[in-house]
Amino acid sequence: MDYHACMSTRERLLEHGTRLIADRGFANVTVGEIESAAGLAPRRGGLYKHFKSKTVLVEHALAQRIERLQQMR
């Protein structure tokens, strides 16, 4: 089974968005590139159905990581 087939669209956006931003920097990644990497049609609003903005996507990803670290303590 394909790894991404088990993931929700929101999870794919988070995973690919954070990877692209970590690799290239926030300002150097477009919403369309994140959507495309997540298997969505670029620039069709797919990201905005799950997050208000690219900034909110990053904030959510950071909050998830902080929560996981706190659970590990």
N, C-alpha and C. Protein backbone atom coordinates (compact mmCIF):
# COMPACT_ATOMS: atom_id res chain seq x y z
N MET A 1 0.84 -1.17 0.00
CA MET A 1 0.00 0.00 0.00
C MET A 1 0.89 1.25 0.00
N ASP A 2 0.48 2.24 -0.76
CA ASP A 2 1.19 3.51 -0.84
C ASP A 2 1.08 4.25 0.48
N TYR A 3 2.21 4.73 0.98
CA TYR A 3 2.27 5.45 2.25
C TYR A 3 1.30 6.64 2.26
N HIS A 4 1.27 7.39 1.17
CA HIS A 4 0.42 8.58 1.11
C HIS A 4 -1.06 8.23 1.00
N ALA A 5 -1.39 7.03 0.57
CA ALA A 5 -2.79 6.64 0.46
C ALA A 5 -3.44 6.58 1.83
N CYS A 6 -2.65 6.36 2.88
CA CYS A 6 -3.16 6.28 4.24
C CYS A 6 -3.32 7.65 4.89
N MET A 7 -2.78 8.67 4.28
CA MET A 7 -2.78 10.00 4.87
C MET A 7 -3.94 10.83 4.36
N SER A 8 -4.48 11.67 5.23
CA SER A 8 -5.51 12.60 4.80
C SER A 8 -4.86 13.72 3.98
N THR A 9 -5.65 14.45 3.26
CA THR A 9 -5.13 15.58 2.49
C THR A 9 -4.44 16.57 3.42
N ARG A 10 -5.04 16.84 4.55
CA ARG A 10 -4.45 17.76 5.52
C ARG A 10 -3.07 17.27 5.97
N GLU A 11 -2.94 15.99 6.26
CA GLU A 11 -1.66 15.42 6.67
C GLU A 11 -0.62 15.52 5.56
N ARG A 12 -1.04 15.28 4.31
CA ARG A 12 -0.11 15.40 3.18
C ARG A 12 0.36 16.84 3.01
N LEU A 13 -0.55 17.78 3.16
CA LEU A 13 -0.17 19.19 3.06
C LEU A 13 0.84 19.55 4.15
N LEU A 14 0.59 19.10 5.36
CA LEU A 14 1.51 19.37 6.46
C LEU A 14 2.88 18.76 6.20
N GLU A 15 2.90 17.51 5.82
CA GLU A 15 4.18 16.83 5.59
C GLU A 15 4.98 17.48 4.47
N HIS A 16 4.35 17.65 3.33
CA HIS A 16 5.08 18.19 2.18
C HIS A 16 5.38 19.67 2.34
N GLY A 17 4.45 20.41 2.94
CA GLY A 17 4.70 21.83 3.17
C GLY A 17 5.87 22.07 4.08
N THR A 18 5.92 21.35 5.18
CA THR A 18 7.04 21.54 6.12
C THR A 18 8.36 21.07 5.52
N ARG A 19 8.32 20.00 4.75
CA ARG A 19 9.56 19.52 4.12
C ARG A 19 10.09 20.55 3.12
N LEU A 20 9.20 21.05 2.26
CA LEU A 20 9.63 22.04 1.26
C LEU A 20 10.16 23.30 1.93
N ILE A 21 9.46 23.77 2.94
CA ILE A 21 9.87 25.00 3.63
C ILE A 21 11.19 24.79 4.37
N ALA A 22 11.37 23.64 4.97
CA ALA A 22 12.64 23.34 5.66
C ALA A 22 13.80 23.30 4.66
N ASP A 23 13.54 22.76 3.48
CA ASP A 23 14.59 22.63 2.46
C ASP A 23 14.92 23.96 1.79
N ARG A 24 13.88 24.78 1.50
CA ARG A 24 14.09 25.95 0.64
C ARG A 24 13.83 27.29 1.32
N GLY A 25 13.21 27.28 2.49
CA GLY A 25 12.87 28.53 3.16
C GLY A 25 11.44 28.94 2.88
N PHE A 26 10.83 29.55 3.88
CA PHE A 26 9.42 29.92 3.80
C PHE A 26 9.10 30.78 2.57
N ALA A 27 9.89 31.81 2.35
CA ALA A 27 9.62 32.74 1.25
C ALA A 27 9.84 32.13 -0.13
N ASN A 28 10.56 31.03 -0.19
CA ASN A 28 10.90 30.42 -1.48
C ASN A 28 9.99 29.26 -1.88
N VAL A 29 8.90 29.06 -1.15
CA VAL A 29 7.96 27.99 -1.46
C VAL A 29 6.58 28.60 -1.65
N THR A 30 5.95 28.27 -2.76
CA THR A 30 4.60 28.80 -3.01
C THR A 30 3.55 27.81 -2.53
N VAL A 31 2.36 28.34 -2.32
CA VAL A 31 1.22 27.48 -1.96
C VAL A 31 0.99 26.45 -3.06
N GLY A 32 1.12 26.86 -4.30
CA GLY A 32 0.94 25.94 -5.42
C GLY A 32 1.93 24.79 -5.39
N GLU A 33 3.16 25.05 -5.01
CA GLU A 33 4.17 23.99 -4.92
C GLU A 33 3.83 23.02 -3.80
N ILE A 34 3.32 23.53 -2.68
CA ILE A 34 2.91 22.66 -1.59
C ILE A 34 1.73 21.78 -2.04
N GLU A 35 0.76 22.40 -2.68
CA GLU A 35 -0.40 21.64 -3.16
C GLU A 35 0.03 20.55 -4.14
N SER A 36 0.89 20.89 -5.07
CA SER A 36 1.36 19.93 -6.06
C SER A 36 2.10 18.77 -5.39
N ALA A 37 2.99 19.08 -4.46
CA ALA A 37 3.75 18.04 -3.76
C ALA A 37 2.82 17.11 -2.97
N ALA A 38 1.70 17.65 -2.50
CA ALA A 38 0.74 16.86 -1.73
C ALA A 38 -0.24 16.10 -2.62
N GLY A 39 -0.07 16.21 -3.93
CA GLY A 39 -0.92 15.47 -4.86
C GLY A 39 -2.19 16.20 -5.26
N LEU A 40 -2.23 17.51 -5.01
CA LEU A 40 -3.40 18.31 -5.37
C LEU A 40 -3.10 19.14 -6.62
N ALA A 41 -4.15 19.62 -7.26
CA ALA A 41 -3.96 20.52 -8.39
C ALA A 41 -3.41 21.83 -7.86
N PRO A 42 -2.29 22.30 -8.38
CA PRO A 42 -1.70 23.53 -7.86
C PRO A 42 -2.57 24.75 -8.17
N ARG A 43 -2.57 25.68 -7.20
CA ARG A 43 -3.25 26.97 -7.33
C ARG A 43 -4.75 26.83 -7.58
N ARG A 44 -5.35 25.82 -7.00
CA ARG A 44 -6.80 25.62 -7.09
C ARG A 44 -7.48 25.77 -5.73
N GLY A 45 -6.73 26.18 -4.71
CA GLY A 45 -7.32 26.43 -3.41
C GLY A 45 -7.37 25.26 -2.46
N GLY A 46 -6.72 24.15 -2.82
CA GLY A 46 -6.74 22.96 -1.97
C GLY A 46 -6.17 23.21 -0.59
N LEU A 47 -5.08 23.94 -0.50
CA LEU A 47 -4.48 24.23 0.80
C LEU A 47 -5.43 25.04 1.65
N TYR A 48 -6.14 25.98 1.03
CA TYR A 48 -7.01 26.88 1.77
C TYR A 48 -8.28 26.20 2.30
N LYS A 49 -8.56 25.02 1.84
CA LYS A 49 -9.68 24.25 2.40
C LYS A 49 -9.32 23.66 3.76
N HIS A 50 -8.02 23.61 4.05
CA HIS A 50 -7.53 23.00 5.29
C HIS A 50 -6.82 24.00 6.21
N PHE A 51 -6.25 25.04 5.63
CA PHE A 51 -5.50 26.05 6.39
C PHE A 51 -5.81 27.43 5.82
N LYS A 52 -5.85 28.44 6.69
CA LYS A 52 -6.14 29.80 6.23
C LYS A 52 -5.02 30.35 5.34
N SER A 53 -3.80 29.87 5.58
CA SER A 53 -2.65 30.40 4.85
C SER A 53 -1.46 29.45 5.01
N LYS A 54 -0.41 29.74 4.28
CA LYS A 54 0.84 28.99 4.43
C LYS A 54 1.40 29.19 5.82
N THR A 55 1.27 30.38 6.37
CA THR A 55 1.74 30.66 7.73
C THR A 55 1.00 29.79 8.74
N VAL A 56 -0.30 29.66 8.60
CA VAL A 56 -1.08 28.85 9.53
C VAL A 56 -0.68 27.38 9.42
N LEU A 57 -0.38 26.91 8.21
CA LEU A 57 0.10 25.54 8.03
C LEU A 57 1.37 25.33 8.86
N VAL A 58 2.32 26.26 8.78
CA VAL A 58 3.58 26.15 9.53
C VAL A 58 3.31 26.21 11.03
N GLU A 59 2.45 27.11 11.45
CA GLU A 59 2.12 27.22 12.88
C GLU A 59 1.52 25.91 13.40
N HIS A 60 0.65 25.31 12.60
CA HIS A 60 0.04 24.04 13.01
C HIS A 60 1.09 22.93 13.09
N ALA A 61 1.97 22.89 12.11
CA ALA A 61 3.02 21.87 12.12
C ALA A 61 3.92 22.03 13.35
N LEU A 62 4.28 23.25 13.69
CA LEU A 62 5.11 23.48 14.87
C LEU A 62 4.38 23.10 16.15
N ALA A 63 3.11 23.43 16.24
CA ALA A 63 2.32 23.07 17.42
C ALA A 63 2.26 21.55 17.58
N GLN A 64 2.11 20.84 16.48
CA GLN A 64 2.09 19.36 16.52
C GLN A 64 3.42 18.83 17.05
N ARG A 65 4.51 19.37 16.56
CA ARG A 65 5.84 18.91 16.97
C ARG A 65 6.09 19.20 18.44
N ILE A 66 5.70 20.38 18.89
CA ILE A 66 5.86 20.74 20.30
C ILE A 66 5.04 19.80 21.18
N GLU A 67 3.82 19.50 20.76
CA GLU A 67 2.97 18.58 21.52
C GLU A 67 3.62 17.20 21.62
N ARG A 68 4.17 16.71 20.52
CA ARG A 68 4.83 15.39 20.53
C ARG A 68 6.03 15.39 21.47
N LEU A 69 6.81 16.46 21.45
CA LEU A 69 7.97 16.55 22.35
C LEU A 69 7.54 16.56 23.81
N GLN A 70 6.48 17.28 24.10
CA GLN A 70 5.98 17.32 25.47
C GLN A 70 5.47 15.96 25.93
N GLN A 71 4.87 15.22 25.02
CA GLN A 71 4.38 13.87 25.36
C GLN A 71 5.53 12.92 25.62
N MET A 72 6.67 13.15 25.02
CA MET A 72 7.83 12.30 25.20
C MET A 72 8.50 12.50 26.56
N ARG A 73 8.24 13.59 27.21
CA ARG A 73 8.87 13.91 28.51
C ARG A 73 8.37 13.03 29.59
